[in-house]
């Protein structure tokens, strides 16, 4: 745990603060990513996408399977947070630059979604049949944070690179739609009509607020970078998705999200209420004593 300001709360878990971390009492709006930040329904999606890319990619002379897997993983995770189609466009470009003839990126997207559905259908079906409790497939302790933010009167937004129809369906299954109301956004068939940057710009312009009034939570490059670019506060959720509630960082996420400028890195939300109250300048009995 890294704590530098003397008035920070005493956190119960791991909270890592970047050099630009500081209080933002003027925060009025909060943006959340979905997969890996709120939802664990799609946990394990890289284990579907990486083998698909490896299967489709022509080999170069002397290239090992480890080299191919590392290449496609870097391509995939660099675009994590953007609409899925961008990852498929990257795959098509890799195939083309290796002398192959790629299919339309939409074909790769549909094939990926077909394979992913096979992996996760037991989760959505279990939620729909009330055989799985929604909180079992939410990142640890996020619901108390959502309720706390809502009770504080902050406006919550949800933006995901996953197709919007799927995000809305899964948000309903997880019983989190009520925190966001009409402000749930996701990928569109016309991919140029949606991006997290577009959502952020819309928040700022429609409410006539400055970037310093936005707080964002995410586990992908895109939302962290977009938030930093407009002067917002970016909290990276380096969630250990396969071991929800472990309290440990996913080291791959942590390293890369710090590298793109995250102000704070947390493994889950066990300390998020105290952290947010500190950011907003709200007093707490849990403040450390001198």
Protein backbone atom coordinates (compact mmCIF):
# COMPACT_ATOMS: atom_id res chain seq x y z
CA UNK A 1 0.00 0.00 0.00
CA UNK A 2 1.35 3.44 -0.95
CA UNK A 3 0.11 6.46 1.00
CA UNK A 4 1.75 9.86 0.86
CA UNK A 5 -0.60 12.64 2.03
CA UNK A 6 -0.81 12.75 5.84
CA UNK A 7 -4.58 13.07 5.88
CA UNK A 8 -5.34 9.97 3.82
CA UNK A 9 -7.71 7.38 5.28
CA UNK A 10 -6.15 4.18 6.52
CA UNK A 11 -6.99 1.77 3.73
CA UNK A 12 -7.60 -1.90 4.48
CA UNK A 13 -6.12 -3.15 1.21
CA UNK A 14 -3.75 -2.13 -1.56
CA UNK A 15 -4.07 1.41 -2.93
CA UNK A 16 -1.30 2.80 -5.11
CA UNK A 17 -1.11 6.54 -5.69
CA UNK A 18 0.53 8.22 -8.65
CA UNK A 19 2.48 11.49 -8.38
CA UNK A 20 -0.41 13.58 -9.72
CA UNK A 21 -2.91 12.20 -7.19
CA UNK A 22 -4.79 14.82 -5.20
CA UNK A 23 -8.15 15.89 -3.86
CA UNK A 24 -10.85 16.95 -6.33
CA UNK A 25 -13.73 18.40 -4.30
CA UNK A 26 -15.39 19.68 -7.49
CA UNK A 27 -16.11 16.23 -8.96
CA UNK A 28 -19.70 16.01 -10.19
CA UNK A 29 -19.70 13.17 -12.75
CA UNK A 30 -18.30 9.64 -12.66
CA UNK A 31 -17.62 7.38 -15.63
CA UNK A 32 -17.25 3.60 -15.35
CA UNK A 33 -15.98 1.10 -17.87
CA UNK A 34 -17.93 -2.18 -17.81
CA UNK A 35 -16.04 -5.44 -18.42
CA UNK A 36 -13.36 -6.00 -15.79
CA UNK A 37 -14.25 -2.73 -14.06
CA UNK A 38 -17.81 -3.57 -13.01
CA UNK A 39 -18.76 -6.85 -14.64
CA UNK A 40 -17.11 -10.26 -14.53
CA UNK A 41 -19.61 -11.88 -16.89
CA UNK A 42 -16.99 -11.81 -19.65
CA UNK A 43 -14.09 -12.78 -17.41
CA UNK A 44 -11.60 -14.78 -19.47
CA UNK A 45 -12.37 -13.06 -22.78
CA UNK A 46 -8.64 -12.81 -23.70
CA UNK A 47 -8.52 -16.60 -23.51
CA UNK A 48 -11.02 -16.59 -26.37
CA UNK A 49 -9.64 -13.73 -28.44
CA UNK A 50 -5.95 -14.65 -28.28
CA UNK A 51 -6.40 -18.21 -29.64
CA UNK A 52 -8.62 -16.84 -32.42
CA UNK A 53 -5.93 -14.36 -33.47
CA UNK A 54 -3.20 -17.01 -33.22
CA UNK A 55 -5.28 -19.35 -35.36
CA UNK A 56 -5.87 -16.74 -38.07
CA UNK A 57 -2.40 -15.17 -38.25
CA UNK A 58 0.05 -16.35 -40.96
CA UNK A 59 3.45 -17.31 -39.57
CA UNK A 60 6.76 -15.69 -40.42
CA UNK A 61 9.82 -17.87 -41.02
CA UNK A 62 11.34 -18.99 -37.74
CA UNK A 63 8.57 -17.45 -35.64
CA UNK A 64 7.69 -19.41 -32.52
CA UNK A 65 4.20 -19.91 -31.12
CA UNK A 66 5.30 -17.96 -28.05
CA UNK A 67 6.29 -15.03 -30.28
CA UNK A 68 2.92 -15.10 -32.05
CA UNK A 69 0.98 -15.27 -28.79
CA UNK A 70 2.95 -12.37 -27.34
CA UNK A 71 2.40 -10.26 -30.46
CA UNK A 72 -1.35 -10.76 -30.58
CA UNK A 73 -1.75 -10.27 -26.82
CA UNK A 74 0.03 -6.92 -27.06
CA UNK A 75 -2.17 -5.91 -29.99
CA UNK A 76 -5.33 -6.94 -28.17
CA UNK A 77 -4.57 -5.32 -24.83
CA UNK A 78 -3.26 -2.09 -26.35
CA UNK A 79 -6.74 -1.63 -27.79
CA UNK A 80 -8.58 -2.84 -24.70
CA UNK A 81 -11.37 -0.41 -23.89
CA UNK A 82 -12.00 0.49 -27.50
CA UNK A 83 -14.80 -1.14 -29.46
CA UNK A 84 -14.09 -4.78 -30.24
CA UNK A 85 -14.05 -4.01 -33.96
CA UNK A 86 -10.75 -2.14 -33.57
CA UNK A 87 -9.05 -5.29 -32.34
CA UNK A 88 -10.44 -7.14 -35.34
CA UNK A 89 -9.22 -4.38 -37.67
CA UNK A 90 -5.78 -4.80 -36.13
CA UNK A 91 -5.92 -8.54 -36.77
CA UNK A 92 -6.85 -7.93 -40.41
CA UNK A 93 -3.93 -5.53 -40.77
CA UNK A 94 -1.51 -8.05 -39.26
CA UNK A 95 -2.73 -10.71 -41.68
CA UNK A 96 -2.34 -8.30 -44.60
CA UNK A 97 1.18 -7.22 -43.65
CA UNK A 98 2.21 -10.89 -43.52
CA UNK A 99 1.01 -11.47 -47.08
CA UNK A 100 -2.37 -12.97 -46.24
CA UNK A 101 -5.84 -12.01 -47.43
CA UNK A 102 -7.92 -11.09 -44.38
CA UNK A 103 -11.67 -11.43 -44.09
CA UNK A 104 -13.81 -8.42 -43.27
CA UNK A 105 -13.11 -7.39 -39.64
CA UNK A 106 -16.81 -7.86 -38.87
CA UNK A 107 -16.43 -11.57 -39.69
CA UNK A 108 -13.69 -11.89 -37.10
CA UNK A 109 -15.80 -9.97 -34.58
CA UNK A 110 -18.82 -12.23 -35.09
CA UNK A 111 -16.67 -15.35 -34.82
CA UNK A 112 -15.08 -14.05 -31.63
CA UNK A 113 -18.50 -13.27 -30.13
CA UNK A 114 -19.76 -16.73 -31.09
CA UNK A 115 -16.85 -18.37 -29.29
CA UNK A 116 -17.16 -16.02 -26.31
CA UNK A 117 -20.85 -16.81 -25.95
CA UNK A 118 -19.99 -20.49 -25.63
CA UNK A 119 -17.69 -19.61 -22.73
CA UNK A 120 -20.00 -17.26 -20.82
CA UNK A 121 -23.56 -18.46 -21.58
CA UNK A 122 -23.75 -20.40 -18.30
CA UNK A 123 -23.20 -17.10 -16.47
CA UNK A 124 -25.90 -15.11 -18.23
CA UNK A 125 -28.29 -18.05 -18.03
CA UNK A 126 -27.51 -18.51 -14.33
CA UNK A 127 -28.19 -14.84 -13.64
CA UNK A 128 -31.43 -14.90 -15.62
CA UNK A 129 -32.62 -17.97 -13.70
CA UNK A 130 -31.56 -16.50 -10.32
CA UNK A 131 -29.15 -19.40 -9.87
CA UNK A 132 -26.26 -16.93 -9.65
CA UNK A 133 -26.49 -13.84 -7.47
CA UNK A 134 -25.60 -10.64 -9.36
CA UNK A 135 -22.92 -9.64 -6.85
CA UNK A 136 -21.04 -12.86 -7.57
CA UNK A 137 -20.26 -11.48 -11.02
CA UNK A 138 -19.49 -7.92 -9.98
CA UNK A 139 -15.97 -6.77 -9.12
CA UNK A 140 -15.60 -7.03 -5.35
CA UNK A 141 -17.43 -4.30 -3.37
CA UNK A 142 -18.43 -2.18 -6.36
CA UNK A 143 -22.13 -2.06 -5.43
CA UNK A 144 -21.53 -0.19 -2.14
CA UNK A 145 -19.46 2.31 -4.12
CA UNK A 146 -22.19 2.81 -6.73
CA UNK A 147 -24.78 3.36 -4.00
CA UNK A 148 -22.47 5.77 -2.17
CA UNK A 149 -21.82 7.83 -5.29
CA UNK A 150 -25.51 7.93 -6.12
CA UNK A 151 -26.41 8.96 -2.58
CA UNK A 152 -23.87 11.79 -2.84
CA UNK A 153 -25.77 13.10 -5.85
CA UNK A 154 -23.07 12.40 -8.42
CA UNK A 155 -24.16 11.59 -11.98
CA UNK A 156 -22.99 8.13 -13.09
CA UNK A 157 -22.19 7.08 -16.64
CA UNK A 158 -21.29 3.68 -18.09
CA UNK A 159 -19.33 3.34 -21.35
CA UNK A 160 -18.06 0.07 -22.82
CA UNK A 161 -16.32 -1.16 -25.94
CA UNK A 162 -18.74 -4.11 -25.90
CA UNK A 163 -21.83 -3.82 -28.14
CA UNK A 164 -24.42 -1.58 -26.51
CA UNK A 165 -27.26 -4.13 -26.66
CA UNK A 166 -25.10 -6.62 -24.76
CA UNK A 167 -23.94 -4.07 -22.19
CA UNK A 168 -27.53 -3.05 -21.42
CA UNK A 169 -28.67 -6.67 -21.17
CA UNK A 170 -25.79 -7.63 -18.87
CA UNK A 171 -26.18 -4.50 -16.75
CA UNK A 172 -29.82 -5.48 -16.22
CA UNK A 173 -28.82 -9.02 -15.25
CA UNK A 174 -26.31 -7.62 -12.75
CA UNK A 175 -28.90 -5.16 -11.37
CA UNK A 176 -26.68 -2.11 -11.97
CA UNK A 177 -28.69 -0.35 -14.68
CA UNK A 178 -30.57 1.58 -11.99
CA UNK A 179 -27.41 3.45 -11.00
CA UNK A 180 -26.85 4.78 -14.51
CA UNK A 181 -30.38 5.38 -15.81
CA UNK A 182 -30.24 6.36 -19.50
CA UNK A 183 -26.47 6.85 -19.41
CA UNK A 184 -25.33 3.41 -20.58
CA UNK A 185 -23.33 3.47 -23.82
CA UNK A 186 -21.61 0.82 -25.90
CA UNK A 187 -20.29 -0.06 -29.32
CA UNK A 188 -22.42 0.62 -32.40
CA UNK A 189 -22.57 -1.12 -35.78
CA UNK A 190 -21.29 2.16 -37.20
CA UNK A 191 -18.18 2.16 -35.05
CA UNK A 192 -17.37 5.82 -35.80
CA UNK A 193 -20.50 6.91 -33.91
CA UNK A 194 -19.20 5.75 -30.53
CA UNK A 195 -16.04 6.03 -28.49
CA UNK A 196 -15.33 6.69 -24.83
CA UNK A 197 -13.86 10.02 -25.85
CA UNK A 198 -17.18 10.93 -27.50
CA UNK A 199 -19.01 10.03 -24.27
CA UNK A 200 -16.58 12.08 -22.18
CA UNK A 201 -16.83 15.09 -24.48
CA UNK A 202 -20.63 14.82 -24.35
CA UNK A 203 -20.61 14.79 -20.54
CA UNK A 204 -18.48 17.93 -20.42
CA UNK A 205 -20.39 19.84 -23.09
CA UNK A 206 -23.93 18.90 -22.09
CA UNK A 207 -23.35 19.81 -18.43
CA UNK A 208 -20.98 22.71 -19.13
CA UNK A 209 -18.33 21.36 -16.78
CA UNK A 210 -14.55 21.18 -16.90
CA UNK A 211 -12.54 18.01 -17.13
CA UNK A 212 -11.40 18.37 -13.51
CA UNK A 213 -14.98 17.57 -12.49
CA UNK A 214 -14.85 14.06 -13.98
CA UNK A 215 -13.77 10.94 -12.13
CA UNK A 216 -13.31 7.74 -14.14
CA UNK A 217 -12.83 4.09 -13.18
CA UNK A 218 -11.48 1.62 -15.74
CA UNK A 219 -9.21 -1.35 -16.39
CA UNK A 220 -8.22 -0.44 -19.97
CA UNK A 221 -5.80 1.98 -21.59
CA UNK A 222 -8.50 3.97 -23.36
CA UNK A 223 -10.56 5.34 -20.48
CA UNK A 224 -7.42 6.14 -18.46
CA UNK A 225 -5.81 8.04 -21.34
CA UNK A 226 -9.03 9.82 -22.34
CA UNK A 227 -9.64 10.96 -18.77
CA UNK A 228 -6.09 12.23 -18.31
CA UNK A 229 -6.27 14.14 -21.59
CA UNK A 230 -9.18 16.29 -20.43
CA UNK A 231 -7.79 16.86 -16.93
CA UNK A 232 -10.01 14.34 -15.15
CA UNK A 233 -9.02 11.98 -12.36
CA UNK A 234 -8.34 8.42 -13.54
CA UNK A 235 -8.62 5.46 -11.17
CA UNK A 236 -7.27 2.25 -12.67
CA UNK A 237 -8.93 -0.95 -11.50
CA UNK A 238 -6.23 -3.59 -11.92
CA UNK A 239 -8.73 -6.29 -11.07
CA UNK A 240 -7.70 -9.91 -10.55
CA UNK A 241 -10.74 -11.11 -12.46
CA UNK A 242 -10.08 -14.83 -12.12
CA UNK A 243 -9.81 -14.50 -8.31
CA UNK A 244 -12.43 -11.89 -7.50
CA UNK A 245 -12.04 -10.54 -3.97
CA UNK A 246 -8.41 -11.67 -3.61
CA UNK A 247 -7.36 -8.07 -3.00
CA UNK A 248 -4.36 -8.56 -5.28
CA UNK A 249 -3.43 -6.51 -8.32
CA UNK A 250 -3.33 -8.08 -11.73
CA UNK A 251 0.35 -7.22 -12.31
CA UNK A 252 -0.01 -6.92 -16.10
CA UNK A 253 -2.87 -4.42 -15.76
CA UNK A 254 -1.17 -2.49 -12.95
CA UNK A 255 2.07 -1.97 -14.86
CA UNK A 256 0.42 -0.84 -18.07
CA UNK A 257 -2.23 1.38 -16.49
CA UNK A 258 0.36 3.20 -14.43
CA UNK A 259 2.37 3.63 -17.63
CA UNK A 260 -0.50 5.50 -19.31
CA UNK A 261 -0.91 7.86 -16.37
CA UNK A 262 -3.40 6.44 -13.88
CA UNK A 263 -3.65 8.69 -10.82
CA UNK A 264 -4.61 5.76 -8.57
CA UNK A 265 -4.50 1.98 -8.93
CA UNK A 266 -6.75 -0.30 -6.91
CA UNK A 267 -7.29 -4.09 -7.17
CA UNK A 268 -11.02 -3.87 -6.34
CA UNK A 269 -13.39 -1.56 -4.49
CA UNK A 270 -12.88 -2.55 -0.86
CA UNK A 271 -11.36 0.89 -0.11
CA UNK A 272 -13.16 2.87 -2.78
CA UNK A 273 -15.73 4.60 -0.55
CA UNK A 274 -12.99 5.98 1.73
CA UNK A 275 -10.91 6.91 -1.30
CA UNK A 276 -13.76 8.75 -3.00
CA UNK A 277 -14.66 10.60 0.20
CA UNK A 278 -11.06 11.74 0.47
CA UNK A 279 -11.06 12.88 -3.16
CA UNK A 280 -14.25 14.86 -2.56
CA UNK A 281 -12.88 16.39 0.63
CA UNK A 282 -15.48 14.70 2.81
CA UNK A 283 -14.43 14.13 6.42
CA UNK A 284 -14.11 10.61 7.80
CA UNK A 285 -13.46 9.10 11.20
CA UNK A 286 -11.08 6.71 9.46
CA UNK A 287 -8.52 9.45 8.75
CA UNK A 288 -5.12 8.59 10.11
CA UNK A 289 -4.03 10.45 13.27
CA UNK A 290 -0.64 12.23 13.48
